[in-house]
Amino acid sequence: MKITLDPYMLRGLSVDDMVRTVAELGYAYIELSPRDDFMPFFLHPRADDAKVRELRDALRRHGVQLSSVLPLYRWSSPDETERRAAVRNWKRMIEITAELGCTLMNSEFNGRPERAAESEAAFWRSLEELLPLFEREGIALNLEAHPDDFCEENAPAVDLVRAVNKPWVNYLYCAPHTFHLSGAGPKADIAAMMRYAGDKLRHVHVADSFNHKGSSGLRYILNPPGTPARVHQHLDIGQGEVDWDAFFGTLRELEFDGVATACVFAWEERARESSAFMLDRMTRELAPAS
C-alpha cells in the first residue's frame, strides 16, 4: 500500500520546496500532477534534462519517492490534429517518467461525451501508438472515468479498461467523482462500483465531494438551465457526502494493496493542514492491522 499526495495545492512552490514540504508533512510518496514548469495541462512537457535532474535530486535529498505521474492530454480528441499533438506529448512524458525511475502513470479517458463514439475511436488509435512505449519502458497505466470525458461512468470505464487486455493497464476509482460515476439518479453505491472493478482496481483518489444530484436531481441551480457543466469539488474527508465507511470498508474487503492518493484541491490557503489531515485519516483507515 502506498499512501501518496497529489501536490497540486503546492504547485506555487519550487520543485525542491514542494518535495521538502511533502516530506515534512510525513508523506513517503508523491503523485506528480500537472504544474506549469514541468508538465502543464494539455500542453507539451516543459521539463528538460536539467528540470528532470532537479526533481530526481530533490526526491533523493528529501527521502520521497514518486508513486505515479499523472499527465492530462487530449489523446481521445475527435479532432485528429489535437489527438496527434496529445500523442507527441504522451511520448515525451513517458520518456521523462522513465528517466525519473517511476513505473506508473495515471490519466483520464478525455474526449467529448457528446461525441463519444468518435472519441473512443481516437482513444484506440492513440493506444495503438502508445502501448508499445509503455511496455518497452516497463511503465504501468491506470485510467479513471472523469466528468466530461467520453467515458465518465464507472462500469463502462471498467469494461473499457478490461478491453485493453493488458495486465498492466488498470482502473483508478476517484472518490470525489462518485456522484458522477454512478450514472443517472441520486444514488451512488460505492461498494458495488469498486467491487465491479475487482482485480482491475489498483489506484484510488481520495477526497470528499457533495452529491450534486441530491434527492430531487437539482441540488444546485446552474445557469443557463440545462448547462452540461459537471459540478464537483475535492474536499477534505468528512466535508462532503461520500460514504467513507463504504469506501474504506470495501477497500479492506478487496484487500486493496495499490496506491491511494490524497487529492484535495479546495483549500489552497490551508494546503499543509489539509494534506496532514488526509494523511492521518488515510493511514488510520488503510494501514494493515498489527
Protein backbone atom coordinates (compact mmCIF):
# COMPACT_ATOMS: atom_id res chain seq x y z
CA MET A 1 0.00 0.00 0.00
CA LYS A 2 1.33 3.41 -0.99
CA ILE A 3 -0.33 6.47 0.53
CA THR A 4 0.67 9.40 -1.61
CA LEU A 5 -0.04 13.11 -2.07
CA ASP A 6 -1.07 14.95 -5.20
CA PRO A 7 0.84 18.21 -4.55
CA TYR A 8 -1.32 20.37 -6.84
CA MET A 9 -2.06 22.80 -3.99
CA LEU A 10 1.73 23.21 -3.56
CA ARG A 11 2.43 23.93 -7.25
CA GLY A 12 3.41 27.53 -6.48
CA LEU A 13 6.50 26.28 -4.64
CA SER A 14 9.76 25.47 -6.38
CA VAL A 15 10.32 21.79 -7.15
CA ASP A 16 12.69 21.42 -4.19
CA ASP A 17 10.40 23.27 -1.76
CA MET A 18 7.43 21.21 -2.92
CA VAL A 19 9.22 17.92 -2.30
CA ARG A 20 10.59 19.15 1.03
CA THR A 21 7.11 20.20 2.15
CA VAL A 22 5.66 16.82 1.21
CA ALA A 23 8.38 15.13 3.26
CA GLU A 24 7.77 17.44 6.23
CA LEU A 25 4.09 16.54 6.14
CA GLY A 26 5.04 12.89 6.57
CA TYR A 27 4.31 11.50 3.12
CA ALA A 28 6.72 8.98 1.63
CA TYR A 29 5.27 9.26 -1.88
CA ILE A 30 4.21 11.93 -4.39
CA GLU A 31 1.83 11.57 -7.32
CA LEU A 32 3.20 14.16 -9.72
CA SER A 33 0.32 16.11 -11.24
CA PRO A 34 0.37 18.98 -13.76
CA ARG A 35 2.42 22.06 -12.93
CA ASP A 36 3.30 24.77 -15.43
CA ASP A 37 7.08 24.50 -15.15
CA PHE A 38 7.21 20.73 -15.63
CA MET A 39 4.07 19.14 -17.10
CA PRO A 40 1.31 21.66 -17.95
CA PHE A 41 -2.30 20.70 -18.54
CA PHE A 42 -2.80 19.57 -22.16
CA LEU A 43 0.49 21.03 -23.44
CA HIS A 44 3.88 19.56 -24.30
CA PRO A 45 6.01 18.87 -21.19
CA ARG A 46 8.29 21.77 -20.24
CA ALA A 47 10.81 19.65 -18.33
CA ASP A 48 14.25 19.45 -19.92
CA ASP A 49 17.14 17.29 -18.70
CA ALA A 50 18.04 19.84 -16.02
CA LYS A 51 14.48 20.04 -14.67
CA VAL A 52 14.20 16.24 -14.58
CA ARG A 53 17.52 16.09 -12.72
CA GLU A 54 16.29 18.78 -10.30
CA LEU A 55 13.22 16.73 -9.38
CA ARG A 56 15.18 13.48 -9.15
CA ASP A 57 17.76 15.12 -6.87
CA ALA A 58 15.05 16.71 -4.68
CA LEU A 59 13.32 13.35 -4.23
CA ARG A 60 16.59 11.74 -3.19
CA ARG A 61 17.58 14.63 -0.90
CA HIS A 62 14.28 14.63 0.98
CA GLY A 63 13.68 10.88 1.06
CA VAL A 64 10.49 10.88 -1.03
CA GLN A 65 9.57 8.64 -3.96
CA LEU A 66 7.27 9.07 -6.94
CA SER A 67 4.33 6.70 -6.70
CA SER A 68 3.00 7.83 -10.07
CA VAL A 69 2.90 10.55 -12.71
CA LEU A 70 -0.46 11.99 -13.83
CA PRO A 71 -0.41 13.81 -17.20
CA LEU A 72 -3.57 15.09 -18.88
CA TYR A 73 -3.66 15.18 -22.68
CA ARG A 74 -6.40 15.20 -25.31
CA TRP A 75 -5.45 11.79 -26.67
CA SER A 76 -9.11 10.89 -27.31
CA SER A 77 -9.95 14.09 -29.14
CA PRO A 78 -12.12 13.59 -32.24
CA ASP A 79 -10.00 16.37 -33.79
CA GLU A 80 -7.11 14.45 -35.37
CA THR A 81 -4.63 17.33 -35.18
CA GLU A 82 -5.31 17.68 -31.46
CA ARG A 83 -5.06 13.92 -30.95
CA ARG A 84 -1.69 13.70 -32.72
CA ALA A 85 -0.34 16.55 -30.59
CA ALA A 86 -1.50 14.71 -27.46
CA VAL A 87 0.30 11.55 -28.57
CA ARG A 88 3.52 13.56 -29.02
CA ASN A 89 3.05 14.94 -25.51
CA TRP A 90 2.47 11.44 -24.14
CA LYS A 91 5.62 10.12 -25.79
CA ARG A 92 7.77 12.78 -24.17
CA MET A 93 6.11 12.33 -20.79
CA ILE A 94 6.62 8.56 -20.90
CA GLU A 95 10.30 9.25 -21.58
CA ILE A 96 10.51 11.67 -18.63
CA THR A 97 8.70 9.24 -16.32
CA ALA A 98 11.22 6.53 -17.21
CA GLU A 99 14.09 8.96 -16.55
CA LEU A 100 12.60 9.65 -13.11
CA GLY A 101 12.61 5.93 -12.34
CA CYS A 102 8.82 5.84 -11.92
CA THR A 103 6.88 2.79 -13.14
CA LEU A 104 3.28 4.05 -13.01
CA MET A 105 1.32 6.69 -14.90
CA ASN A 106 -2.33 7.67 -14.40
CA SER A 107 -4.65 9.59 -16.66
CA GLU A 108 -8.20 10.17 -17.85
CA PHE A 109 -10.02 8.98 -20.95
CA ASN A 110 -10.59 12.57 -22.14
CA GLY A 111 -12.53 13.08 -25.39
CA ARG A 112 -16.04 14.54 -25.61
CA PRO A 113 -19.21 12.95 -24.15
CA GLU A 114 -21.37 14.40 -26.93
CA ARG A 115 -19.07 12.72 -29.49
CA ALA A 116 -18.45 9.51 -27.56
CA ALA A 117 -18.09 7.08 -30.48
CA GLU A 118 -15.62 9.32 -32.33
CA SER A 119 -13.69 9.90 -29.10
CA GLU A 120 -13.44 6.22 -28.34
CA ALA A 121 -12.13 5.58 -31.84
CA ALA A 122 -9.48 8.25 -31.25
CA PHE A 123 -8.61 6.66 -27.90
CA TRP A 124 -7.90 3.31 -29.56
CA ARG A 125 -5.79 4.96 -32.28
CA SER A 126 -3.69 6.63 -29.59
CA LEU A 127 -3.30 3.38 -27.65
CA GLU A 128 -2.04 1.62 -30.77
CA GLU A 129 0.87 4.07 -30.81
CA LEU A 130 1.47 4.34 -27.09
CA LEU A 131 1.00 0.87 -25.61
CA PRO A 132 4.29 -0.41 -27.11
CA LEU A 133 6.12 2.53 -25.48
CA PHE A 134 4.61 1.84 -22.06
CA GLU A 135 5.55 -1.81 -22.43
CA ARG A 136 9.10 -1.05 -23.58
CA GLU A 137 9.72 1.28 -20.62
CA GLY A 138 8.07 -1.03 -18.09
CA ILE A 139 5.51 1.61 -17.09
CA ALA A 140 2.02 0.60 -15.98
CA LEU A 141 -1.07 2.72 -16.74
CA ASN A 142 -4.15 3.37 -14.61
CA LEU A 143 -7.17 5.06 -16.19
CA GLU A 144 -10.08 6.83 -14.49
CA ALA A 145 -13.54 7.79 -15.62
CA HIS A 146 -13.74 11.57 -15.31
CA PRO A 147 -16.66 14.00 -15.52
CA ASP A 148 -16.94 15.41 -19.06
CA ASP A 149 -14.90 12.63 -20.66
CA PHE A 150 -16.31 10.40 -23.38
CA CYS A 151 -16.46 7.66 -20.75
CA GLU A 152 -17.50 9.13 -17.41
CA GLU A 153 -19.29 6.33 -15.57
CA ASN A 154 -17.81 3.50 -13.53
CA ALA A 155 -18.98 0.29 -15.20
CA PRO A 156 -18.38 1.37 -18.82
CA ALA A 157 -14.94 2.65 -17.80
CA VAL A 158 -14.00 -0.63 -16.12
CA ASP A 159 -15.23 -2.52 -19.20
CA LEU A 160 -13.10 -0.29 -21.43
CA VAL A 161 -10.03 -0.87 -19.27
CA ARG A 162 -10.60 -4.62 -19.44
CA ALA A 163 -10.95 -4.35 -23.23
CA VAL A 164 -7.38 -3.04 -23.47
CA ASN A 165 -6.49 -6.57 -22.32
CA LYS A 166 -3.14 -5.75 -20.73
CA PRO A 167 -2.38 -6.84 -17.15
CA TRP A 168 -0.55 -3.56 -16.57
CA VAL A 169 -3.47 -1.35 -17.70
CA ASN A 170 -5.84 -0.98 -14.76
CA TYR A 171 -8.54 1.17 -13.19
CA LEU A 172 -8.46 4.17 -10.88
CA TYR A 173 -11.53 4.92 -8.74
CA CYS A 174 -11.81 8.62 -7.88
CA ALA A 175 -13.91 9.06 -4.72
CA PRO A 176 -14.81 12.74 -5.27
CA HIS A 177 -16.30 11.75 -8.64
CA THR A 178 -18.57 9.15 -7.01
CA PHE A 179 -21.79 11.00 -7.82
CA HIS A 180 -20.82 11.32 -11.48
CA LEU A 181 -19.59 7.73 -11.74
CA SER A 182 -22.95 6.31 -10.69
CA GLY A 183 -24.93 7.50 -13.71
CA ALA A 184 -28.46 8.85 -13.64
CA GLY A 185 -30.25 9.43 -10.35
CA PRO A 186 -29.09 10.49 -6.90
CA LYS A 187 -27.96 7.07 -5.60
CA ALA A 188 -24.31 6.07 -5.64
CA ASP A 189 -23.33 2.58 -4.48
CA ILE A 190 -19.60 2.91 -3.85
CA ALA A 191 -19.17 -0.68 -2.74
CA ALA A 192 -20.85 -2.07 -5.87
CA MET A 193 -18.78 0.17 -8.15
CA MET A 194 -15.47 -0.82 -6.58
CA ARG A 195 -16.45 -4.49 -6.49
CA TYR A 196 -17.28 -4.25 -10.19
CA ALA A 197 -13.70 -3.09 -10.83
CA GLY A 198 -12.45 -6.02 -8.76
CA ASP A 199 -8.92 -7.07 -9.60
CA LYS A 200 -8.52 -4.13 -12.00
CA LEU A 201 -8.83 -1.63 -9.13
CA ARG A 202 -5.22 -0.62 -8.49
CA HIS A 203 -5.47 3.04 -7.52
CA VAL A 204 -7.86 5.31 -5.63
CA HIS A 205 -8.04 9.09 -5.42
CA VAL A 206 -9.23 10.21 -2.01
CA ALA A 207 -11.18 13.41 -1.39
CA ASP A 208 -14.76 14.24 -0.43
CA SER A 209 -17.48 15.88 -2.52
CA PHE A 210 -21.15 16.73 -2.39
CA ASN A 211 -23.82 14.78 -4.22
CA HIS A 212 -24.55 17.26 -6.98
CA LYS A 213 -27.79 15.47 -7.87
CA GLY A 214 -29.46 15.16 -4.47
CA SER A 215 -32.82 13.52 -3.95
CA SER A 216 -34.55 15.89 -6.39
CA GLY A 217 -31.88 15.74 -9.09
CA LEU A 218 -31.49 19.52 -8.71
CA ARG A 219 -29.18 20.07 -5.73
CA TYR A 220 -27.66 23.10 -7.44
CA ILE A 221 -29.14 25.78 -9.69
CA LEU A 222 -26.95 26.28 -12.75
CA ASN A 223 -27.34 28.97 -15.34
CA PRO A 224 -28.19 28.78 -18.11
CA PRO A 225 -30.68 25.95 -17.42
CA GLY A 226 -29.57 22.70 -18.97
CA THR A 227 -25.86 23.56 -18.94
CA PRO A 228 -23.74 20.40 -19.27
CA ALA A 229 -21.30 21.56 -16.56
CA ARG A 230 -20.10 18.76 -14.25
CA VAL A 231 -20.16 20.29 -10.77
CA HIS A 232 -17.89 18.93 -8.06
CA GLN A 233 -15.01 19.84 -5.75
CA HIS A 234 -12.28 17.85 -3.98
CA LEU A 235 -12.74 18.40 -0.24
CA ASP A 236 -11.25 17.01 2.97
CA ILE A 237 -12.76 13.72 4.11
CA GLY A 238 -15.90 14.49 6.11
CA GLN A 239 -16.71 17.78 4.40
CA GLY A 240 -18.92 16.25 1.71
CA GLU A 241 -21.29 13.33 1.25
CA VAL A 242 -19.09 10.41 0.14
CA ASP A 243 -19.87 7.29 2.19
CA TRP A 244 -16.44 6.75 3.72
CA ASP A 245 -17.45 3.68 5.72
CA ALA A 246 -18.40 2.01 2.45
CA PHE A 247 -15.33 3.31 0.63
CA PHE A 248 -12.70 2.21 3.13
CA GLY A 249 -14.64 -0.89 4.14
CA THR A 250 -14.78 -2.11 0.54
CA LEU A 251 -11.06 -1.45 0.05
CA ARG A 252 -10.37 -3.63 3.09
CA GLU A 253 -12.80 -6.29 1.83
CA LEU A 254 -10.99 -6.34 -1.54
CA GLU A 255 -7.62 -6.47 0.26
CA PHE A 256 -6.60 -3.44 -1.77
CA ASP A 257 -2.83 -3.08 -1.94
CA GLY A 258 -2.37 -0.42 -4.59
CA VAL A 259 -1.89 3.34 -4.44
CA ALA A 260 -4.13 5.75 -2.52
CA THR A 261 -3.65 9.43 -3.37
CA ALA A 262 -4.87 12.35 -1.28
CA CYS A 263 -6.15 14.80 -3.89
CA VAL A 264 -7.85 17.71 -2.14
CA PHE A 265 -7.88 20.89 -4.25
CA ALA A 266 -10.31 23.20 -2.45
CA TRP A 267 -8.14 24.58 0.33
CA GLU A 268 -5.01 26.19 -1.12
CA GLU A 269 -4.90 28.66 1.78
CA ARG A 270 -4.57 25.70 4.16
CA ALA A 271 -2.82 23.19 1.92
CA ARG A 272 -0.48 21.93 4.65
CA GLU A 273 -3.21 21.43 7.24
CA SER A 274 -5.47 19.69 4.74
CA SER A 275 -2.69 17.41 3.48
CA ALA A 276 -1.64 16.46 7.02
CA PHE A 277 -5.25 15.69 7.96
CA MET A 278 -5.71 13.49 4.90
CA LEU A 279 -2.54 11.52 5.61
CA ASP A 280 -3.61 10.85 9.20
CA ARG A 281 -7.10 9.68 8.22
CA MET A 282 -5.94 7.56 5.29
CA THR A 283 -3.22 5.93 7.36
CA ARG A 284 -5.68 5.03 10.13
CA GLU A 285 -8.14 3.58 7.61
CA LEU A 286 -5.73 1.75 5.33
CA ALA A 287 -2.71 0.77 7.42
CA PRO A 288 -2.54 -3.02 7.86
CA ALA A 289 -3.70 -4.29 11.26
CA SER A 290 -0.81 -5.13 13.57
